[in-house]
PDB file of N, CA and C in Angstrom:
ATOM      1  N   MET A   1       0.819  -1.191   0.000  1.00  0.00           N
ATOM      2  CA  MET A   1       0.000   0.000   0.000  1.00  0.00           C
ATOM      3  C   MET A   1       0.868   1.263   0.000  1.00  0.00           C
ATOM      4  N   LYS A   2       2.016   1.192   0.674  1.00  0.00           N
ATOM      5  CA  LYS A   2       2.913   2.348   0.713  1.00  0.00           C
ATOM      6  C   LYS A   2       3.401   2.696  -0.696  1.00  0.00           C
ATOM      7  N   LEU A   3       3.765   1.684  -1.482  1.00  0.00           N
ATOM      8  CA  LEU A   3       4.219   1.923  -2.855  1.00  0.00           C
ATOM      9  C   LEU A   3       3.110   2.574  -3.670  1.00  0.00           C
ATOM     10  N   PHE A   4       1.884   2.065  -3.540  1.00  0.00           N
ATOM     11  CA  PHE A   4       0.753   2.629  -4.272  1.00  0.00           C
ATOM     12  C   PHE A   4       0.583   4.111  -3.944  1.00  0.00           C
ATOM     13  N   LEU A   5       0.568   4.437  -2.647  1.00  0.00           N
ATOM     14  CA  LEU A   5       0.387   5.833  -2.243  1.00  0.00           C
ATOM     15  C   LEU A   5       1.529   6.720  -2.715  1.00  0.00           C
ATOM     16  N   THR A   6       2.749   6.210  -2.657  1.00  0.00           N
ATOM     17  CA  THR A   6       3.904   6.987  -3.110  1.00  0.00           C
ATOM     18  C   THR A   6       3.795   7.304  -4.595  1.00  0.00           C
ATOM     19  N   VAL A   7       3.502   6.283  -5.394  1.00  0.00           N
ATOM     20  CA  VAL A   7       3.378   6.480  -6.844  1.00  0.00           C
ATOM     21  C   VAL A   7       2.187   7.387  -7.148  1.00  0.00           C
ATOM     22  N   PHE A   8       1.052   7.120  -6.516  1.00  0.00           N
ATOM     23  CA  PHE A   8      -0.150   7.917  -6.765  1.00  0.00           C
ATOM     24  C   PHE A   8       0.094   9.391  -6.467  1.00  0.00           C
ATOM     25  N   LEU A   9       0.605   9.685  -5.280  1.00  0.00           N
ATOM     26  CA  LEU A   9       0.815  11.081  -4.900  1.00  0.00           C
ATOM     27  C   LEU A   9       1.861  11.762  -5.773  1.00  0.00           C
ATOM     28  N   THR A  10       2.918  11.047  -6.125  1.00  0.00           N
ATOM     29  CA  THR A  10       3.956  11.626  -6.981  1.00  0.00           C
ATOM     30  C   THR A  10       3.390  12.002  -8.342  1.00  0.00           C
ATOM     31  N   ILE A  11       2.688  11.072  -8.966  1.00  0.00           N
ATOM     32  CA  ILE A  11       2.118  11.329 -10.297  1.00  0.00           C
ATOM     33  C   ILE A  11       1.004  12.371 -10.209  1.00  0.00           C
ATOM     34  N   PHE A  12       0.147  12.259  -9.213  1.00  0.00           N
ATOM     35  CA  PHE A  12      -0.960  13.205  -9.057  1.00  0.00           C
ATOM     36  C   PHE A  12      -0.446  14.633  -8.911  1.00  0.00           C
ATOM     37  N   LEU A  13       0.510  14.832  -8.033  1.00  0.00           N
ATOM     38  CA  LEU A  13       1.046  16.176  -7.816  1.00  0.00           C
ATOM     39  C   LEU A  13       1.799  16.698  -9.040  1.00  0.00           C
ATOM     40  N   ALA A  14       2.468  15.795  -9.761  1.00  0.00           N
ATOM     41  CA  ALA A  14       3.193  16.211 -10.966  1.00  0.00           C
ATOM     42  C   ALA A  14       2.233  16.635 -12.079  1.00  0.00           C
ATOM     43  N   GLU A  15       1.046  16.056 -12.098  1.00  0.00           N
ATOM     44  CA  GLU A  15       0.094  16.330 -13.174  1.00  0.00           C
ATOM     45  C   GLU A  15      -0.797  17.538 -12.912  1.00  0.00           C
ATOM     46  N   ILE A  16      -0.883  18.011 -11.667  1.00  0.00           N
ATOM     47  CA  ILE A  16      -1.741  19.158 -11.359  1.00  0.00           C
ATOM     48  C   ILE A  16      -1.206  20.390 -12.101  1.00  0.00           C
ATOM     49  N   GLY A  17      -2.068  20.990 -12.916  1.00  0.00           N
ATOM     50  CA  GLY A  17      -1.673  22.175 -13.675  1.00  0.00           C
ATOM     51  C   GLY A  17      -0.807  21.872 -14.881  1.00  0.00           C
ATOM     52  N   ASP A  18      -0.623  20.613 -15.185  1.00  0.00           N
ATOM     53  CA  ASP A  18       0.197  20.168 -16.306  1.00  0.00           C
ATOM     54  C   ASP A  18      -0.565  20.388 -17.623  1.00  0.00           C
ATOM     55  N   LYS A  19       0.164  20.305 -18.728  1.00  0.00           N
ATOM     56  CA  LYS A  19      -0.455  20.466 -20.053  1.00  0.00           C
ATOM     57  C   LYS A  19      -1.590  19.472 -20.254  1.00  0.00           C
ATOM     58  N   THR A  20      -1.436  18.265 -19.738  1.00  0.00           N
ATOM     59  CA  THR A  20      -2.473  17.246 -19.890  1.00  0.00           C
ATOM     60  C   THR A  20      -3.761  17.684 -19.203  1.00  0.00           C
ATOM     61  N   GLN A  21      -3.637  18.186 -18.002  1.00  0.00           N
ATOM     62  CA  GLN A  21      -4.825  18.624 -17.272  1.00  0.00           C
ATOM     63  C   GLN A  21      -5.466  19.831 -17.959  1.00  0.00           C
ATOM     64  N   LEU A  22      -4.656  20.749 -18.448  1.00  0.00           N
ATOM     65  CA  LEU A  22      -5.200  21.917 -19.145  1.00  0.00           C
ATOM     66  C   LEU A  22      -5.899  21.516 -20.442  1.00  0.00           C
ATOM     67  N   ALA A  23      -5.334  20.564 -21.166  1.00  0.00           N
ATOM     68  CA  ALA A  23      -5.979  20.091 -22.395  1.00  0.00           C
ATOM     69  C   ALA A  23      -7.316  19.424 -22.070  1.00  0.00           C
ATOM     70  N   THR A  24      -7.335  18.620 -21.014  1.00  0.00           N
ATOM     71  CA  THR A  24      -8.580  17.971 -20.601  1.00  0.00           C
ATOM     72  C   THR A  24      -9.621  19.013 -20.201  1.00  0.00           C
ATOM     73  N   LEU A  25      -9.194  20.028 -19.493  1.00  0.00           N
ATOM     74  CA  LEU A  25     -10.083  21.118 -19.096  1.00  0.00           C
ATOM     75  C   LEU A  25     -10.679  21.795 -20.327  1.00  0.00           C
ATOM     76  N   MET A  26      -9.845  22.054 -21.331  1.00  0.00           N
ATOM     77  CA  MET A  26     -10.325  22.715 -22.552  1.00  0.00           C
ATOM     78  C   MET A  26     -11.317  21.834 -23.307  1.00  0.00           C
ATOM     79  N   PHE A  27     -11.010  20.540 -23.434  1.00  0.00           N
ATOM     80  CA  PHE A  27     -11.954  19.631 -24.097  1.00  0.00           C
ATOM     81  C   PHE A  27     -13.284  19.610 -23.347  1.00  0.00           C
ATOM     82  N   SER A  28     -13.210  19.575 -22.033  1.00  0.00           N
ATOM     83  CA  SER A  28     -14.419  19.519 -21.214  1.00  0.00           C
ATOM     84  C   SER A  28     -15.240  20.803 -21.332  1.00  0.00           C
ATOM     85  N   ALA A  29     -14.570  21.930 -21.446  1.00  0.00           N
ATOM     86  CA  ALA A  29     -15.276  23.209 -21.576  1.00  0.00           C
ATOM     87  C   ALA A  29     -15.951  23.342 -22.941  1.00  0.00           C
ATOM     88  N   GLN A  30     -15.424  22.668 -23.952  1.00  0.00           N
ATOM     89  CA  GLN A  30     -15.932  22.813 -25.317  1.00  0.00           C
ATOM     90  C   GLN A  30     -16.951  21.750 -25.705  1.00  0.00           C
ATOM     91  N   ASN A  31     -17.094  20.704 -24.911  1.00  0.00           N
ATOM     92  CA  ASN A  31     -17.965  19.591 -25.283  1.00  0.00           C
ATOM     93  C   ASN A  31     -18.900  19.233 -24.139  1.00  0.00           C
ATOM     94  N   LYS A  32     -20.057  18.672 -24.508  1.00  0.00           N
ATOM     95  CA  LYS A  32     -21.047  18.298 -23.496  1.00  0.00           C
ATOM     96  C   LYS A  32     -20.801  16.906 -22.927  1.00  0.00           C
ATOM     97  N   SER A  33     -20.111  16.066 -23.647  1.00  0.00           N
ATOM     98  CA  SER A  33     -19.924  14.680 -23.222  1.00  0.00           C
ATOM     99  C   SER A  33     -18.749  14.562 -22.246  1.00  0.00           C
ATOM    100  N   LYS A  34     -18.988  14.972 -21.012  1.00  0.00           N
ATOM    101  CA  LYS A  34     -17.928  14.984 -19.992  1.00  0.00           C
ATOM    102  C   LYS A  34     -17.418  13.575 -19.695  1.00  0.00           C
ATOM    103  N   PHE A  35     -18.334  12.613 -19.639  1.00  0.00           N
ATOM    104  CA  PHE A  35     -17.922  11.248 -19.321  1.00  0.00           C
ATOM    105  C   PHE A  35     -17.021  10.675 -20.412  1.00  0.00           C
ATOM    106  N   LEU A  36     -17.336  10.943 -21.680  1.00  0.00           N
ATOM    107  CA  LEU A  36     -16.496  10.465 -22.781  1.00  0.00           C
ATOM    108  C   LEU A  36     -15.113  11.112 -22.721  1.00  0.00           C
ATOM    109  N   ILE A  37     -15.057  12.380 -22.394  1.00  0.00           N
ATOM    110  CA  ILE A  37     -13.767  13.071 -22.245  1.00  0.00           C
ATOM    111  C   ILE A  37     -12.981  12.457 -21.096  1.00  0.00           C
ATOM    112  N   PHE A  38     -13.663  12.186 -19.981  1.00  0.00           N
ATOM    113  CA  PHE A  38     -13.011  11.537 -18.840  1.00  0.00           C
ATOM    114  C   PHE A  38     -12.448  10.174 -19.241  1.00  0.00           C
ATOM    115  N   LEU A  39     -13.238   9.373 -19.946  1.00  0.00           N
ATOM    116  CA  LEU A  39     -12.776   8.047 -20.374  1.00  0.00           C
ATOM    117  C   LEU A  39     -11.587   8.139 -21.327  1.00  0.00           C
ATOM    118  N   ALA A  40     -11.662   9.045 -22.286  1.00  0.00           N
ATOM    119  CA  ALA A  40     -10.573   9.186 -23.258  1.00  0.00           C
ATOM    120  C   ALA A  40      -9.294   9.668 -22.581  1.00  0.00           C
ATOM    121  N   ALA A  41      -9.410  10.688 -21.724  1.00  0.00           N
ATOM    122  CA  ALA A  41      -8.232  11.220 -21.033  1.00  0.00           C
ATOM    123  C   ALA A  41      -7.641  10.174 -20.092  1.00  0.00           C
ATOM    124  N   SER A  42      -8.496   9.470 -19.369  1.00  0.00           N
ATOM    125  CA  SER A  42      -8.019   8.424 -18.457  1.00  0.00           C
ATOM    126  C   SER A  42      -7.329   7.304 -19.224  1.00  0.00           C
ATOM    127  N   SER A  43      -7.915   6.897 -20.340  1.00  0.00           N
ATOM    128  CA  SER A  43      -7.316   5.838 -21.162  1.00  0.00           C
ATOM    129  C   SER A  43      -5.949   6.253 -21.685  1.00  0.00           C
ATOM    130  N   ALA A  44      -5.834   7.507 -22.101  1.00  0.00           N
ATOM    131  CA  ALA A  44      -4.546   8.002 -22.603  1.00  0.00           C
ATOM    132  C   ALA A  44      -3.496   7.995 -21.497  1.00  0.00           C
ATOM    133  N   LEU A  45      -3.877   8.410 -20.291  1.00  0.00           N
ATOM    134  CA  LEU A  45      -2.931   8.414 -19.169  1.00  0.00           C
ATOM    135  C   LEU A  45      -2.526   6.998 -18.776  1.00  0.00           C
ATOM    136  N   VAL A  46      -3.485   6.070 -18.803  1.00  0.00           N
ATOM    137  CA  VAL A  46      -3.169   4.670 -18.498  1.00  0.00           C
ATOM    138  C   VAL A  46      -2.211   4.111 -19.546  1.00  0.00           C
ATOM    139  N   ALA A  47      -2.458   4.414 -20.825  1.00  0.00           N
ATOM    140  CA  ALA A  47      -1.570   3.931 -21.894  1.00  0.00           C
ATOM    141  C   ALA A  47      -0.163   4.507 -21.742  1.00  0.00           C
ATOM    142  N   ALA A  48      -0.071   5.797 -21.441  1.00  0.00           N
ATOM    143  CA  ALA A  48       1.246   6.427 -21.263  1.00  0.00           C
ATOM    144  C   ALA A  48       1.975   5.830 -20.061  1.00  0.00           C
ATOM    145  N   ALA A  49       1.247   5.610 -18.971  1.00  0.00           N
ATOM    146  CA  ALA A  49       1.860   4.997 -17.786  1.00  0.00           C
ATOM    147  C   ALA A  49       2.294   3.568 -18.098  1.00  0.00           C
ATOM    148  N   GLY A  50       1.484   2.858 -18.865  1.00  0.00           N
ATOM    149  CA  GLY A  50       1.837   1.490 -19.257  1.00  0.00           C
ATOM    150  C   GLY A  50       3.130   1.446 -20.051  1.00  0.00           C
ATOM    151  N   LEU A  51       3.296   2.395 -20.959  1.00  0.00           N
ATOM    152  CA  LEU A  51       4.550   2.465 -21.718  1.00  0.00           C
ATOM    153  C   LEU A  51       5.735   2.738 -20.798  1.00  0.00           C
ATOM    154  N   GLY A  52       5.530   3.601 -19.808  1.00  0.00           N
ATOM    155  CA  GLY A  52       6.593   3.891 -18.850  1.00  0.00           C
ATOM    156  C   GLY A  52       6.976   2.667 -18.036  1.00  0.00           C
ATOM    157  N   VAL A  53       5.978   1.927 -17.577  1.00  0.00           N
ATOM    158  CA  VAL A  53       6.238   0.705 -16.807  1.00  0.00           C
ATOM    159  C   VAL A  53       6.940  -0.326 -17.682  1.00  0.00           C
ATOM    160  N   LEU A  54       6.489  -0.487 -18.916  1.00  0.00           N
ATOM    161  CA  LEU A  54       7.113  -1.439 -19.837  1.00  0.00           C
ATOM    162  C   LEU A  54       8.561  -1.061 -20.118  1.00  0.00           C
ATOM    163  N   ALA A  55       8.809   0.213 -20.374  1.00  0.00           N
ATOM    164  CA  ALA A  55      10.183   0.668 -20.628  1.00  0.00           C
ATOM    165  C   ALA A  55      11.062   0.427 -19.404  1.00  0.00           C
ATOM    166  N   GLY A  56      10.528   0.709 -18.216  1.00  0.00           N
ATOM    167  CA  GLY A  56      11.288   0.466 -16.993  1.00  0.00           C
ATOM    168  C   GLY A  56      11.605  -1.003 -16.796  1.00  0.00           C
ATOM    169  N   ALA A  57      10.646  -1.866 -17.116  1.00  0.00           N
ATOM    170  CA  ALA A  57      10.859  -3.306 -16.981  1.00  0.00           C
ATOM    171  C   ALA A  57      11.945  -3.797 -17.932  1.00  0.00           C
ATOM    172  N   VAL A  58      11.969  -3.254 -19.139  1.00  0.00           N
ATOM    173  CA  VAL A  58      12.988  -3.655 -20.116  1.00  0.00           C
ATOM    174  C   VAL A  58      14.354  -3.115 -19.712  1.00  0.00           C
ATOM    175  N   ILE A  59      14.408  -1.849 -19.334  1.00  0.00           N
ATOM    176  CA  ILE A  59      15.683  -1.215 -18.977  1.00  0.00           C
ATOM    177  C   ILE A  59      16.332  -1.891 -17.779  1.00  0.00           C
ATOM    178  N   GLN A  60      15.516  -2.309 -16.802  1.00  0.00           N
ATOM    179  CA  GLN A  60      16.093  -2.921 -15.601  1.00  0.00           C
ATOM    180  C   GLN A  60      16.806  -4.232 -15.906  1.00  0.00           C
ATOM    181  N   ASN A  61      16.489  -4.841 -17.040  1.00  0.00           N
ATOM    182  CA  ASN A  61      17.167  -6.081 -17.429  1.00  0.00           C
ATOM    183  C   ASN A  61      18.561  -5.828 -17.991  1.00  0.00           C
ATOM    184  N   TYR A  62      18.843  -4.585 -18.369  1.00  0.00           N
ATOM    185  CA  TYR A  62      20.113  -4.274 -19.018  1.00  0.00           C
ATOM    186  C   TYR A  62      21.015  -3.353 -18.211  1.00  0.00           C
ATOM    187  N   LEU A  63      20.439  -2.588 -17.302  1.00  0.00           N
ATOM    188  CA  LEU A  63      21.231  -1.629 -16.526  1.00  0.00           C
ATOM    189  C   LEU A  63      21.016  -1.840 -15.033  1.00  0.00           C
ATOM    190  N   PRO A  64      22.071  -1.705 -14.243  1.00  0.00           N
ATOM    191  CA  PRO A  64      21.902  -1.763 -12.787  1.00  0.00           C
ATOM    192  C   PRO A  64      21.070  -0.574 -12.295  1.00  0.00           C
ATOM    193  N   LEU A  65      20.346  -0.781 -11.208  1.00  0.00           N
ATOM    194  CA  LEU A  65      19.478   0.248 -10.647  1.00  0.00           C
ATOM    195  C   LEU A  65      20.238   1.537 -10.357  1.00  0.00           C
ATOM    196  N   LYS A  66      21.483   1.420  -9.956  1.00  0.00           N
ATOM    197  CA  LYS A  66      22.309   2.599  -9.660  1.00  0.00           C
ATOM    198  C   LYS A  66      22.392   3.524 -10.876  1.00  0.00           C
ATOM    199  N   TYR A  67      22.629   2.958 -12.053  1.00  0.00           N
ATOM    200  CA  TYR A  67      22.749   3.760 -13.270  1.00  0.00           C
ATOM    201  C   TYR A  67      21.401   4.329 -13.715  1.00  0.00           C
ATOM    202  N   ILE A  68      20.338   3.578 -13.488  1.00  0.00           N
ATOM    203  CA  ILE A  68      19.001   4.068 -13.834  1.00  0.00           C
ATOM    204  C   ILE A  68      18.662   5.286 -12.976  1.00  0.00           C
ATOM    205  N   ARG A  69      18.969   5.205 -11.681  1.00  0.00           N
ATOM    206  CA  ARG A  69      18.713   6.336 -10.783  1.00  0.00           C
ATOM    207  C   ARG A  69      19.569   7.540 -11.157  1.00  0.00           C
ATOM    208  N   LEU A  70      20.831   7.308 -11.473  1.00  0.00           N
ATOM    209  CA  LEU A  70      21.702   8.416 -11.878  1.00  0.00           C
ATOM    210  C   LEU A  70      21.186   9.084 -13.152  1.00  0.00           C
ATOM    211  N   ALA A  71      20.790   8.274 -14.125  1.00  0.00           N
ATOM    212  CA  ALA A  71      20.273   8.817 -15.380  1.00  0.00           C
ATOM    213  C   ALA A  71      18.982   9.601 -15.138  1.00  0.00           C
ATOM    214  N   GLY A  72      18.095   9.069 -14.300  1.00  0.00           N
ATOM    215  CA  GLY A  72      16.851   9.766 -13.984  1.00  0.00           C
ATOM    216  C   GLY A  72      17.107  11.094 -13.294  1.00  0.00           C
ATOM    217  N   GLY A  73      18.010  11.093 -12.322  1.00  0.00           N
ATOM    218  CA  GLY A  73      18.363  12.330 -11.623  1.00  0.00           C
ATOM    219  C   GLY A  73      18.974  13.353 -12.555  1.00  0.00           C
ATOM    220  N   PHE A  74      19.876  12.898 -13.407  1.00  0.00           N
ATOM    221  CA  PHE A  74      20.522  13.784 -14.375  1.00  0.00           C
ATOM    222  C   PHE A  74      19.487  14.389 -15.323  1.00  0.00           C
ATOM    223  N   LEU A  75      18.577  13.559 -15.804  1.00  0.00           N
ATOM    224  CA  LEU A  75      17.541  14.029 -16.722  1.00  0.00           C
ATOM    225  C   LEU A  75      16.653  15.084 -16.061  1.00  0.00           C
ATOM    226  N   PHE A  76      16.262  14.857 -14.813  1.00  0.00           N
ATOM    227  CA  PHE A  76      15.446  15.846 -14.105  1.00  0.00           C
ATOM    228  C   PHE A  76      16.198  17.156 -13.922  1.00  0.00           C
ATOM    229  N   ILE A  77      17.477  17.087 -13.605  1.00  0.00           N
ATOM    230  CA  ILE A  77      18.276  18.304 -13.433  1.00  0.00           C
ATOM    231  C   ILE A  77      18.368  19.069 -14.753  1.00  0.00           C
ATOM    232  N   VAL A  78      18.665  18.362 -15.833  1.00  0.00           N
ATOM    233  CA  VAL A  78      18.774  19.002 -17.148  1.00  0.00           C
ATOM    234  C   VAL A  78      17.443  19.637 -17.547  1.00  0.00           C
ATOM    235  N   LEU A  79      16.344  18.904 -17.386  1.00  0.00           N
ATOM    236  CA  LEU A  79      15.035  19.459 -17.737  1.00  0.00           C
ATOM    237  C   LEU A  79      14.692  20.662 -16.862  1.00  0.00           C
ATOM    238  N   GLY A  80      15.040  20.602 -15.583  1.00  0.00           N
ATOM    239  CA  GLY A  80      14.807  21.735 -14.689  1.00  0.00           C
ATOM    240  C   GLY A  80      15.567  22.969 -15.129  1.00  0.00           C
ATOM    241  N   ILE A  81      16.830  22.785 -15.499  1.00  0.00           N
ATOM    242  CA  ILE A  81      17.645  23.913 -15.978  1.00  0.00           C
ATOM    243  C   ILE A  81      17.062  24.479 -17.269  1.00  0.00           C
ATOM    244  N   LEU A  82      16.679  23.592 -18.190  1.00  0.00           N
ATOM    245  CA  LEU A  82      16.084  24.052 -19.447  1.00  0.00           C
ATOM    246  C   LEU A  82      14.792  24.829 -19.202  1.00  0.00           C
ATOM    247  N   MET A  83      14.000  24.383 -18.240  1.00  0.00           N
ATOM    248  CA  MET A  83      12.766  25.104 -17.921  1.00  0.00           C
ATOM    249  C   MET A  83      13.074  26.469 -17.308  1.00  0.00           C
ATOM    250  N   LEU A  84      14.081  26.525 -16.461  1.00  0.00           N
ATOM    251  CA  LEU A  84      14.446  27.798 -15.825  1.00  0.00           C
ATOM    252  C   LEU A  84      14.921  28.836 -16.835  1.00  0.00           C
ATOM    253  N   VAL A  85      15.646  28.385 -17.859  1.00  0.00           N
ATOM    254  CA  VAL A  85      16.157  29.330 -18.853  1.00  0.00           C
ATOM    255  C   VAL A  85      15.186  29.517 -20.021  1.00  0.00           C
ATOM    256  N   GLY A  86      14.016  28.875 -19.939  1.00  0.00           N
ATOM    257  CA  GLY A  86      12.980  29.068 -20.946  1.00  0.00           C
ATOM    258  C   GLY A  86      13.188  28.320 -22.244  1.00  0.00           C
ATOM    259  N   LYS A  87      13.961  27.253 -22.226  1.00  0.00           N
ATOM    260  CA  LYS A  87      14.210  26.484 -23.448  1.00  0.00           C
ATOM    261  C   LYS A  87      13.340  25.233 -23.538  1.00  0.00           C
ATOM    262  N   PHE A  88      12.488  25.020 -22.540  1.00  0.00           N
ATOM    263  CA  PHE A  88      11.652  23.813 -22.545  1.00  0.00           C
ATOM    264  C   PHE A  88      10.281  24.147 -22.039  1.00  0.00           C
TER     265      PHE A  88
END
């Protein structure tokens, strides 16, 4: 249960105010079929998360966890810097 809550809260907080949420908001404001928009947006997020889990499962077979964590940390730092300077 701890893993579930950790993943849920991390992804939930990362997505608040994100482009995905804003796009969903715009679709919902422009269309009457709110439930269909909810289903489509949810399905897209599940598919994207599934690809992430699949990629992680494949990568873990080829790289030690230490290198995966280093690469993830490096990527977050680079993306953060790019966002700060307005290049991303």
